[in-house]
Amino acid sequence: FEIDGVGLYPGSKITSMDIDARDKNGAHDARVKFGFTAPAAPAIAADWMAGEFAKKGIKVTRTGDALAGTAKDGDNFTIRFDPDGKAAKGEVLISKS
């Protein structure tokens, strides 16, 4: 998984995947959602990913331990981190319409 060259926090594992894509009357609508686990607390994983996006020139906004932005290809994305013991679990949603 990557958004403009930024992957998940090191050691993260994808746990679920859901893809929904449609092309109707020339209108494209696509959504990719997947769950993941990360071996760091939510704030640490979110800080790391925000820093990696900044290095690539991708502006993200942060609300708590959630990131939102727009990739260079125009796709919108959100990445949410929730506590899971000493680690994190989360969800990535990428949408295009």
PDB file of N, CA and C in Angstrom:
ATOM      1  N   PHE A   1       0.828  -1.185   0.000  1.00  0.00           N
ATOM      2  CA  PHE A   1       0.000   0.000   0.000  1.00  0.00           C
ATOM      3  C   PHE A   1       0.872   1.247   0.000  1.00  0.00           C
ATOM      4  N   GLU A   2       0.542   2.185  -0.849  1.00  0.00           N
ATOM      5  CA  GLU A   2       1.204   3.496  -0.856  1.00  0.00           C
ATOM      6  C   GLU A   2       0.250   4.550  -1.370  1.00  0.00           C
ATOM      7  N   ILE A   3       0.364   5.742  -0.824  1.00  0.00           N
ATOM      8  CA  ILE A   3      -0.279   6.931  -1.383  1.00  0.00           C
ATOM      9  C   ILE A   3       0.859   7.876  -1.706  1.00  0.00           C
ATOM     10  N   ASP A   4       1.093   8.107  -2.980  1.00  0.00           N
ATOM     11  CA  ASP A   4       2.178   8.992  -3.437  1.00  0.00           C
ATOM     12  C   ASP A   4       3.515   8.662  -2.793  1.00  0.00           C
ATOM     13  N   GLY A   5       3.797   7.375  -2.659  1.00  0.00           N
ATOM     14  CA  GLY A   5       5.078   6.933  -2.132  1.00  0.00           C
ATOM     15  C   GLY A   5       5.134   6.805  -0.618  1.00  0.00           C
ATOM     16  N   VAL A   6       4.029   7.058   0.074  1.00  0.00           N
ATOM     17  CA  VAL A   6       3.992   6.932   1.536  1.00  0.00           C
ATOM     18  C   VAL A   6       3.229   5.666   1.891  1.00  0.00           C
ATOM     19  N   GLY A   7       3.914   4.759   2.559  1.00  0.00           N
ATOM     20  CA  GLY A   7       3.287   3.521   3.009  1.00  0.00           C
ATOM     21  C   GLY A   7       2.804   3.652   4.438  1.00  0.00           C
ATOM     22  N   LEU A   8       2.233   2.580   4.944  1.00  0.00           N
ATOM     23  CA  LEU A   8       1.816   2.551   6.341  1.00  0.00           C
ATOM     24  C   LEU A   8       3.033   2.576   7.261  1.00  0.00           C
ATOM     25  N   TYR A   9       2.800   2.877   8.519  1.00  0.00           N
ATOM     26  CA  TYR A   9       3.848   2.867   9.534  1.00  0.00           C
ATOM     27  C   TYR A   9       4.624   1.548   9.432  1.00  0.00           C
ATOM     28  N   PRO A  10       5.962   1.586   9.567  1.00  0.00           N
ATOM     29  CA  PRO A  10       6.769   0.355   9.441  1.00  0.00           C
ATOM     30  C   PRO A  10       6.266  -0.769  10.358  1.00  0.00           C
ATOM     31  N   GLY A  11       6.150  -1.948   9.784  1.00  0.00           N
ATOM     32  CA  GLY A  11       5.695  -3.119  10.524  1.00  0.00           C
ATOM     33  C   GLY A  11       4.188  -3.296  10.538  1.00  0.00           C
ATOM     34  N   SER A  12       3.461  -2.379   9.906  1.00  0.00           N
ATOM     35  CA  SER A  12       1.999  -2.489   9.845  1.00  0.00           C
ATOM     36  C   SER A  12       1.592  -3.659   8.960  1.00  0.00           C
ATOM     37  N   LYS A  13       0.398  -4.181   9.245  1.00  0.00           N
ATOM     38  CA  LYS A  13      -0.133  -5.291   8.450  1.00  0.00           C
ATOM     39  C   LYS A  13      -1.572  -4.981   8.060  1.00  0.00           C
ATOM     40  N   ILE A  14      -1.886  -5.218   6.795  1.00  0.00           N
ATOM     41  CA  ILE A  14      -3.255  -5.039   6.318  1.00  0.00           C
ATOM     42  C   ILE A  14      -4.082  -6.230   6.799  1.00  0.00           C
ATOM     43  N   THR A  15      -5.259  -5.935   7.374  1.00  0.00           N
ATOM     44  CA  THR A  15      -6.100  -6.987   7.942  1.00  0.00           C
ATOM     45  C   THR A  15      -7.402  -7.206   7.174  1.00  0.00           C
ATOM     46  N   SER A  16      -7.812  -6.237   6.366  1.00  0.00           N
ATOM     47  CA  SER A  16      -9.036  -6.392   5.573  1.00  0.00           C
ATOM     48  C   SER A  16      -8.969  -5.464   4.368  1.00  0.00           C
ATOM     49  N   MET A  17      -9.752  -5.803   3.331  1.00  0.00           N
ATOM     50  CA  MET A  17      -9.760  -4.995   2.110  1.00  0.00           C
ATOM     51  C   MET A  17     -11.158  -5.024   1.516  1.00  0.00           C
ATOM     52  N   ASP A  18     -11.628  -3.847   1.092  1.00  0.00           N
ATOM     53  CA  ASP A  18     -12.930  -3.718   0.448  1.00  0.00           C
ATOM     54  C   ASP A  18     -12.780  -2.741  -0.712  1.00  0.00           C
ATOM     55  N   ILE A  19     -13.077  -3.187  -1.933  1.00  0.00           N
ATOM     56  CA  ILE A  19     -12.950  -2.351  -3.124  1.00  0.00           C
ATOM     57  C   ILE A  19     -14.308  -2.268  -3.798  1.00  0.00           C
ATOM     58  N   ASP A  20     -14.727  -1.036  -4.109  1.00  0.00           N
ATOM     59  CA  ASP A  20     -15.989  -0.803  -4.785  1.00  0.00           C
ATOM     60  C   ASP A  20     -15.732   0.209  -5.891  1.00  0.00           C
ATOM     61  N   ALA A  21     -15.817  -0.216  -7.146  1.00  0.00           N
ATOM     62  CA  ALA A  21     -15.557   0.676  -8.285  1.00  0.00           C
ATOM     63  C   ALA A  21     -16.689   0.555  -9.294  1.00  0.00           C
ATOM     64  N   ARG A  22     -17.109   1.715  -9.802  1.00  0.00           N
ATOM     65  CA  ARG A  22     -18.184   1.754 -10.793  1.00  0.00           C
ATOM     66  C   ARG A  22     -17.838   2.728 -11.899  1.00  0.00           C
ATOM     67  N   ASP A  23     -18.313   2.416 -13.083  1.00  0.00           N
ATOM     68  CA  ASP A  23     -18.188   3.307 -14.227  1.00  0.00           C
ATOM     69  C   ASP A  23     -19.562   3.335 -14.880  1.00  0.00           C
ATOM     70  N   LYS A  24     -20.303   4.388 -14.614  1.00  0.00           N
ATOM     71  CA  LYS A  24     -21.676   4.459 -15.099  1.00  0.00           C
ATOM     72  C   LYS A  24     -21.872   5.734 -15.909  1.00  0.00           C
ATOM     73  N   ASN A  25     -22.236   5.575 -17.164  1.00  0.00           N
ATOM     74  CA  ASN A  25     -22.479   6.709 -18.050  1.00  0.00           C
ATOM     75  C   ASN A  25     -21.296   7.673 -18.087  1.00  0.00           C
ATOM     76  N   GLY A  26     -20.094   7.128 -18.071  1.00  0.00           N
ATOM     77  CA  GLY A  26     -18.891   7.951 -18.138  1.00  0.00           C
ATOM     78  C   GLY A  26     -18.450   8.535 -16.809  1.00  0.00           C
ATOM     79  N   ALA A  27     -19.227   8.320 -15.755  1.00  0.00           N
ATOM     80  CA  ALA A  27     -18.861   8.820 -14.425  1.00  0.00           C
ATOM     81  C   ALA A  27     -18.133   7.712 -13.667  1.00  0.00           C
ATOM     82  N   HIS A  28     -16.992   8.028 -13.147  1.00  0.00           N
ATOM     83  CA  HIS A  28     -16.186   7.057 -12.403  1.00  0.00           C
ATOM     84  C   HIS A  28     -16.378   7.296 -10.907  1.00  0.00           C
ATOM     85  N   ASP A  29     -16.588   6.240 -10.193  1.00  0.00           N
ATOM     86  CA  ASP A  29     -16.740   6.304  -8.749  1.00  0.00           C
ATOM     87  C   ASP A  29     -16.007   5.099  -8.182  1.00  0.00           C
ATOM     88  N   ALA A  30     -15.033   5.340  -7.344  1.00  0.00           N
ATOM     89  CA  ALA A  30     -14.268   4.230  -6.774  1.00  0.00           C
ATOM     90  C   ALA A  30     -13.969   4.505  -5.310  1.00  0.00           C
ATOM     91  N   ARG A  31     -13.954   3.427  -4.541  1.00  0.00           N
ATOM     92  CA  ARG A  31     -13.649   3.524  -3.119  1.00  0.00           C
ATOM     93  C   ARG A  31     -12.861   2.286  -2.717  1.00  0.00           C
ATOM     94  N   VAL A  32     -11.753   2.519  -2.047  1.00  0.00           N
ATOM     95  CA  VAL A  32     -10.948   1.432  -1.502  1.00  0.00           C
ATOM     96  C   VAL A  32     -10.872   1.670  -0.005  1.00  0.00           C
ATOM     97  N   LYS A  33     -11.219   0.647   0.757  1.00  0.00           N
ATOM     98  CA  LYS A  33     -11.160   0.750   2.220  1.00  0.00           C
ATOM     99  C   LYS A  33     -10.437  -0.476   2.733  1.00  0.00           C
ATOM    100  N   PHE A  34      -9.470  -0.260   3.608  1.00  0.00           N
ATOM    101  CA  PHE A  34      -8.846  -1.413   4.229  1.00  0.00           C
ATOM    102  C   PHE A  34      -8.473  -1.131   5.662  1.00  0.00           C
ATOM    103  N   GLY A  35      -8.492  -2.206   6.443  1.00  0.00           N
ATOM    104  CA  GLY A  35      -8.107  -2.143   7.838  1.00  0.00           C
ATOM    105  C   GLY A  35      -6.654  -2.550   7.982  1.00  0.00           C
ATOM    106  N   PHE A  36      -6.038  -2.103   9.065  1.00  0.00           N
ATOM    107  CA  PHE A  36      -4.641  -2.443   9.314  1.00  0.00           C
ATOM    108  C   PHE A  36      -4.342  -2.416  10.799  1.00  0.00           C
ATOM    109  N   THR A  37      -3.239  -3.028  11.174  1.00  0.00           N
ATOM    110  CA  THR A  37      -2.690  -2.909  12.522  1.00  0.00           C
ATOM    111  C   THR A  37      -1.302  -2.300  12.395  1.00  0.00           C
ATOM    112  N   ALA A  38      -0.898  -1.546  13.412  1.00  0.00           N
ATOM    113  CA  ALA A  38       0.424  -0.918  13.432  1.00  0.00           C
ATOM    114  C   ALA A  38       1.062  -1.176  14.794  1.00  0.00           C
ATOM    115  N   PRO A  39       2.373  -1.436  14.820  1.00  0.00           N
ATOM    116  CA  PRO A  39       3.039  -1.761  16.078  1.00  0.00           C
ATOM    117  C   PRO A  39       3.465  -0.527  16.875  1.00  0.00           C
ATOM    118  N   ALA A  40       2.632   0.503  16.894  1.00  0.00           N
ATOM    119  CA  ALA A  40       2.920   1.728  17.647  1.00  0.00           C
ATOM    120  C   ALA A  40       1.593   2.333  18.098  1.00  0.00           C
ATOM    121  N   ALA A  41       1.639   3.153  19.120  1.00  0.00           N
ATOM    122  CA  ALA A  41       0.441   3.837  19.586  1.00  0.00           C
ATOM    123  C   ALA A  41      -0.113   4.726  18.468  1.00  0.00           C
ATOM    124  N   PRO A  42      -1.424   4.994  18.474  1.00  0.00           N
ATOM    125  CA  PRO A  42      -2.019   5.799  17.410  1.00  0.00           C
ATOM    126  C   PRO A  42      -1.322   7.140  17.164  1.00  0.00           C
ATOM    127  N   ALA A  43      -1.006   7.883  18.200  1.00  0.00           N
ATOM    128  CA  ALA A  43      -0.375   9.196  18.018  1.00  0.00           C
ATOM    129  C   ALA A  43       0.995   9.074  17.354  1.00  0.00           C
ATOM    130  N   ILE A  44       1.748   8.051  17.713  1.00  0.00           N
ATOM    131  CA  ILE A  44       3.088   7.863  17.128  1.00  0.00           C
ATOM    132  C   ILE A  44       2.969   7.484  15.654  1.00  0.00           C
ATOM    133  N   ALA A  45       2.068   6.557  15.330  1.00  0.00           N
ATOM    134  CA  ALA A  45       1.888   6.151  13.935  1.00  0.00           C
ATOM    135  C   ALA A  45       1.367   7.318  13.093  1.00  0.00           C
ATOM    136  N   ALA A  46       0.417   8.091  13.625  1.00  0.00           N
ATOM    137  CA  ALA A  46      -0.122   9.245  12.895  1.00  0.00           C
ATOM    138  C   ALA A  46       0.958  10.306  12.693  1.00  0.00           C
ATOM    139  N   ASP A  47       1.772  10.570  13.726  1.00  0.00           N
ATOM    140  CA  ASP A  47       2.883  11.532  13.592  1.00  0.00           C
ATOM    141  C   ASP A  47       3.837  11.109  12.487  1.00  0.00           C
ATOM    142  N   TRP A  48       4.189   9.833  12.475  1.00  0.00           N
ATOM    143  CA  TRP A  48       5.143   9.333  11.485  1.00  0.00           C
ATOM    144  C   TRP A  48       4.597   9.510  10.076  1.00  0.00           C
ATOM    145  N   MET A  49       3.335   9.086   9.877  1.00  0.00           N
ATOM    146  CA  MET A  49       2.751   9.189   8.534  1.00  0.00           C
ATOM    147  C   MET A  49       2.590  10.640   8.105  1.00  0.00           C
ATOM    148  N   ALA A  50       2.192  11.526   9.010  1.00  0.00           N
ATOM    149  CA  ALA A  50       2.066  12.949   8.670  1.00  0.00           C
ATOM    150  C   ALA A  50       3.417  13.496   8.225  1.00  0.00           C
ATOM    151  N   GLY A  51       4.487  13.097   8.911  1.00  0.00           N
ATOM    152  CA  GLY A  51       5.835  13.525   8.535  1.00  0.00           C
ATOM    153  C   GLY A  51       6.249  13.008   7.166  1.00  0.00           C
ATOM    154  N   GLU A  52       5.895  11.764   6.869  1.00  0.00           N
ATOM    155  CA  GLU A  52       6.233  11.190   5.566  1.00  0.00           C
ATOM    156  C   GLU A  52       5.466  11.890   4.438  1.00  0.00           C
ATOM    157  N   PHE A  53       4.202  12.214   4.669  1.00  0.00           N
ATOM    158  CA  PHE A  53       3.446  12.963   3.664  1.00  0.00           C
ATOM    159  C   PHE A  53       4.074  14.344   3.444  1.00  0.00           C
ATOM    160  N   ALA A  54       4.489  14.995   4.524  1.00  0.00           N
ATOM    161  CA  ALA A  54       5.125  16.317   4.401  1.00  0.00           C
ATOM    162  C   ALA A  54       6.392  16.238   3.556  1.00  0.00           C
ATOM    163  N   LYS A  55       7.188  15.189   3.739  1.00  0.00           N
ATOM    164  CA  LYS A  55       8.410  15.008   2.941  1.00  0.00           C
ATOM    165  C   LYS A  55       8.103  14.895   1.452  1.00  0.00           C
ATOM    166  N   LYS A  56       6.918  14.350   1.117  1.00  0.00           N
ATOM    167  CA  LYS A  56       6.520  14.166  -0.289  1.00  0.00           C
ATOM    168  C   LYS A  56       5.727  15.357  -0.822  1.00  0.00           C
ATOM    169  N   GLY A  57       5.547  16.388   0.019  1.00  0.00           N
ATOM    170  CA  GLY A  57       4.808  17.571  -0.418  1.00  0.00           C
ATOM    171  C   GLY A  57       3.301  17.385  -0.448  1.00  0.00           C
ATOM    172  N   ILE A  58       2.789  16.399   0.291  1.00  0.00           N
ATOM    173  CA  ILE A  58       1.348  16.135   0.353  1.00  0.00           C
ATOM    174  C   ILE A  58       0.818  16.758   1.642  1.00  0.00           C
ATOM    175  N   LYS A  59      -0.099  17.712   1.497  1.00  0.00           N
ATOM    176  CA  LYS A  59      -0.679  18.373   2.665  1.00  0.00           C
ATOM    177  C   LYS A  59      -1.755  17.481   3.275  1.00  0.00           C
ATOM    178  N   VAL A  60      -1.664  17.255   4.572  1.00  0.00           N
ATOM    179  CA  VAL A  60      -2.687  16.507   5.286  1.00  0.00           C
ATOM    180  C   VAL A  60      -3.180  17.353   6.449  1.00  0.00           C
ATOM    181  N   THR A  61      -4.430  17.167   6.788  1.00  0.00           N
ATOM    182  CA  THR A  61      -4.960  17.785   7.995  1.00  0.00           C
ATOM    183  C   THR A  61      -5.115  16.691   9.035  1.00  0.00           C
ATOM    184  N   ARG A  62      -4.977  17.080  10.276  1.00  0.00           N
ATOM    185  CA  ARG A  62      -5.031  16.089  11.349  1.00  0.00           C
ATOM    186  C   ARG A  62      -6.105  16.486  12.343  1.00  0.00           C
ATOM    187  N   THR A  63      -6.940  15.531  12.667  1.00  0.00           N
ATOM    188  CA  THR A  63      -7.941  15.693  13.704  1.00  0.00           C
ATOM    189  C   THR A  63      -7.748  14.528  14.662  1.00  0.00           C
ATOM    190  N   GLY A  64      -7.222  14.823  15.834  1.00  0.00           N
ATOM    191  CA  GLY A  64      -6.889  13.744  16.766  1.00  0.00           C
ATOM    192  C   GLY A  64      -5.854  12.838  16.143  1.00  0.00           C
ATOM    193  N   ASP A  65      -6.161  11.565  16.028  1.00  0.00           N
ATOM    194  CA  ASP A  65      -5.251  10.608  15.409  1.00  0.00           C
ATOM    195  C   ASP A  65      -5.762  10.163  14.039  1.00  0.00           C
ATOM    196  N   ALA A  66      -6.367  11.093  13.305  1.00  0.00           N
ATOM    197  CA  ALA A  66      -6.837  10.815  11.947  1.00  0.00           C
ATOM    198  C   ALA A  66      -6.216  11.826  10.994  1.00  0.00           C
ATOM    199  N   LEU A  67      -5.830  11.349   9.821  1.00  0.00           N
ATOM    200  CA  LEU A  67      -5.242  12.195   8.783  1.00  0.00           C
ATOM    201  C   LEU A  67      -6.181  12.226   7.586  1.00  0.00           C
ATOM    202  N   ALA A  68      -6.239  13.366   6.901  1.00  0.00           N
ATOM    203  CA  ALA A  68      -7.044  13.477   5.682  1.00  0.00           C
ATOM    204  C   ALA A  68      -6.280  14.333   4.691  1.00  0.00           C
ATOM    205  N   GLY A  69      -6.387  13.988   3.419  1.00  0.00           N
ATOM    206  CA  GLY A  69      -5.701  14.756   2.392  1.00  0.00           C
ATOM    207  C   GLY A  69      -6.152  14.362   1.007  1.00  0.00           C
ATOM    208  N   THR A  70      -5.473  14.936   0.027  1.00  0.00           N
ATOM    209  CA  THR A  70      -5.739  14.637  -1.374  1.00  0.00           C
ATOM    210  C   THR A  70      -4.423  14.244  -2.025  1.00  0.00           C
ATOM    211  N   ALA A  71      -4.418  13.078  -2.651  1.00  0.00           N
ATOM    212  CA  ALA A  71      -3.221  12.590  -3.335  1.00  0.00           C
ATOM    213  C   ALA A  71      -2.991  13.417  -4.602  1.00  0.00           C
ATOM    214  N   LYS A  72      -1.801  13.298  -5.162  1.00  0.00           N
ATOM    215  CA  LYS A  72      -1.445  14.051  -6.364  1.00  0.00           C
ATOM    216  C   LYS A  72      -2.356  13.741  -7.540  1.00  0.00           C
ATOM    217  N   ASP A  73      -2.961  12.542  -7.571  1.00  0.00           N
ATOM    218  CA  ASP A  73      -3.867  12.188  -8.667  1.00  0.00           C
ATOM    219  C   ASP A  73      -5.298  12.649  -8.425  1.00  0.00           C
ATOM    220  N   GLY A  74      -5.531  13.358  -7.306  1.00  0.00           N
ATOM    221  CA  GLY A  74      -6.855  13.887  -7.000  1.00  0.00           C
ATOM    222  C   GLY A  74      -7.708  13.015  -6.114  1.00  0.00           C
ATOM    223  N   ASP A  75      -7.231  11.809  -5.775  1.00  0.00           N
ATOM    224  CA  ASP A  75      -7.989  10.931  -4.890  1.00  0.00           C
ATOM    225  C   ASP A  75      -7.953  11.485  -3.468  1.00  0.00           C
ATOM    226  N   ASN A  76      -9.109  11.483  -2.805  1.00  0.00           N
ATOM    227  CA  ASN A  76      -9.182  11.890  -1.403  1.00  0.00           C
ATOM    228  C   ASN A  76      -8.893  10.682  -0.531  1.00  0.00           C
ATOM    229  N   PHE A  77      -8.246  10.928   0.607  1.00  0.00           N
ATOM    230  CA  PHE A  77      -7.972   9.818   1.513  1.00  0.00           C
ATOM    231  C   PHE A  77      -8.115  10.254   2.960  1.00  0.00           C
ATOM    232  N   THR A  78      -8.477   9.282   3.791  1.00  0.00           N
ATOM    233  CA  THR A  78      -8.460   9.454   5.236  1.00  0.00           C
ATOM    234  C   THR A  78      -7.785   8.224   5.832  1.00  0.00           C
ATOM    235  N   ILE A  79      -7.055   8.449   6.886  1.00  0.00           N
ATOM    236  CA  ILE A  79      -6.386   7.366   7.599  1.00  0.00           C
ATOM    237  C   ILE A  79      -6.690   7.575   9.076  1.00  0.00           C
ATOM    238  N   ARG A  80      -7.347   6.605   9.676  1.00  0.00           N
ATOM    239  CA  ARG A  80      -7.747   6.696  11.073  1.00  0.00           C
ATOM    240  C   ARG A  80      -6.955   5.684  11.899  1.00  0.00           C
ATOM    241  N   PHE A  81      -6.487   6.119  13.043  1.00  0.00           N
ATOM    242  CA  PHE A  81      -5.745   5.258  13.963  1.00  0.00           C
ATOM    243  C   PHE A  81      -6.516   5.170  15.278  1.00  0.00           C
ATOM    244  N   ASP A  82      -6.746   3.955  15.759  1.00  0.00           N
ATOM    245  CA  ASP A  82      -7.422   3.731  17.029  1.00  0.00           C
ATOM    246  C   ASP A  82      -6.523   2.897  17.931  1.00  0.00           C
ATOM    247  N   PRO A  83      -6.649   3.058  19.258  1.00  0.00           N
ATOM    248  CA  PRO A  83      -5.834   2.260  20.164  1.00  0.00           C
ATOM    249  C   PRO A  83      -6.174   0.776  20.098  1.00  0.00           C
ATOM    250  N   ASP A  84      -5.142  -0.040  20.245  1.00  0.00           N
ATOM    251  CA  ASP A  84      -5.292  -1.493  20.288  1.00  0.00           C
ATOM    252  C   ASP A  84      -4.223  -1.997  21.252  1.00  0.00           C
ATOM    253  N   GLY A  85      -4.491  -1.880  22.543  1.00  0.00           N
ATOM    254  CA  GLY A  85      -3.461  -2.167  23.544  1.00  0.00           C
ATOM    255  C   GLY A  85      -2.375  -1.115  23.438  1.00  0.00           C
ATOM    256  N   LYS A  86      -1.120  -1.543  23.324  1.00  0.00           N
ATOM    257  CA  LYS A  86       0.002  -0.609  23.162  1.00  0.00           C
ATOM    258  C   LYS A  86       0.244  -0.262  21.698  1.00  0.00           C
ATOM    259  N   ALA A  87      -0.520  -0.869  20.814  1.00  0.00           N
ATOM    260  CA  ALA A  87      -0.362  -0.670  19.377  1.00  0.00           C
ATOM    261  C   ALA A  87      -1.567   0.104  18.836  1.00  0.00           C
ATOM    262  N   ALA A  88      -1.737   0.057  17.525  1.00  0.00           N
ATOM    263  CA  ALA A  88      -2.859   0.743  16.887  1.00  0.00           C
ATOM    264  C   ALA A  88      -3.520  -0.163  15.870  1.00  0.00           C
ATOM    265  N   LYS A  89      -4.778   0.085  15.647  1.00  0.00           N
ATOM    266  CA  LYS A  89      -5.466  -0.512  14.516  1.00  0.00           C
ATOM    267  C   LYS A  89      -6.153   0.649  13.813  1.00  0.00           C
ATOM    268  N   GLY A  90      -6.425   0.489  12.552  1.00  0.00           N
ATOM    269  CA  GLY A  90      -6.995   1.619  11.859  1.00  0.00           C
ATOM    270  C   GLY A  90      -7.640   1.245  10.557  1.00  0.00           C
ATOM    271  N   GLU A  91      -8.002   2.301   9.821  1.00  0.00           N
ATOM    272  CA  GLU A  91      -8.673   2.133   8.550  1.00  0.00           C
ATOM    273  C   GLU A  91      -8.212   3.222   7.594  1.00  0.00           C
ATOM    274  N   VAL A  92      -7.989   2.830   6.355  1.00  0.00           N
ATOM    275  CA  VAL A  92      -7.662   3.761   5.280  1.00  0.00           C
ATOM    276  C   VAL A  92      -8.839   3.758   4.317  1.00  0.00           C
ATOM    277  N   LEU A  93      -9.280   4.950   3.922  1.00  0.00           N
ATOM    278  CA  LEU A  93     -10.338   5.072   2.933  1.00  0.00           C
ATOM    279  C   LEU A  93      -9.805   5.986   1.819  1.00  0.00           C
ATOM    280  N   ILE A  94      -9.810   5.484   0.597  1.00  0.00           N
ATOM    281  CA  ILE A  94      -9.397   6.253  -0.564  1.00  0.00           C
ATOM    282  C   ILE A  94     -10.599   6.316  -1.498  1.00  0.00           C
ATOM    283  N   SER A  95     -10.968   7.530  -1.918  1.00  0.00           N
ATOM    284  CA  SER A  95     -12.137   7.654  -2.785  1.00  0.00           C
ATOM    285  C   SER A  95     -11.844   8.550  -3.976  1.00  0.00           C
ATOM    286  N   LYS A  96     -12.496   8.202  -5.072  1.00  0.00           N
ATOM    287  CA  LYS A  96     -12.360   8.954  -6.311  1.00  0.00           C
ATOM    288  C   LYS A  96     -13.747   9.044  -6.928  1.00  0.00           C
ATOM    289  N   SER A  97     -14.127  10.242  -7.316  1.00  0.00           N
ATOM    290  CA  SER A  97     -15.419  10.377  -8.000  1.00  0.00           C
ATOM    291  C   SER A  97     -15.375  11.562  -8.929  1.00  0.00           C
TER     292      SER A  97
END
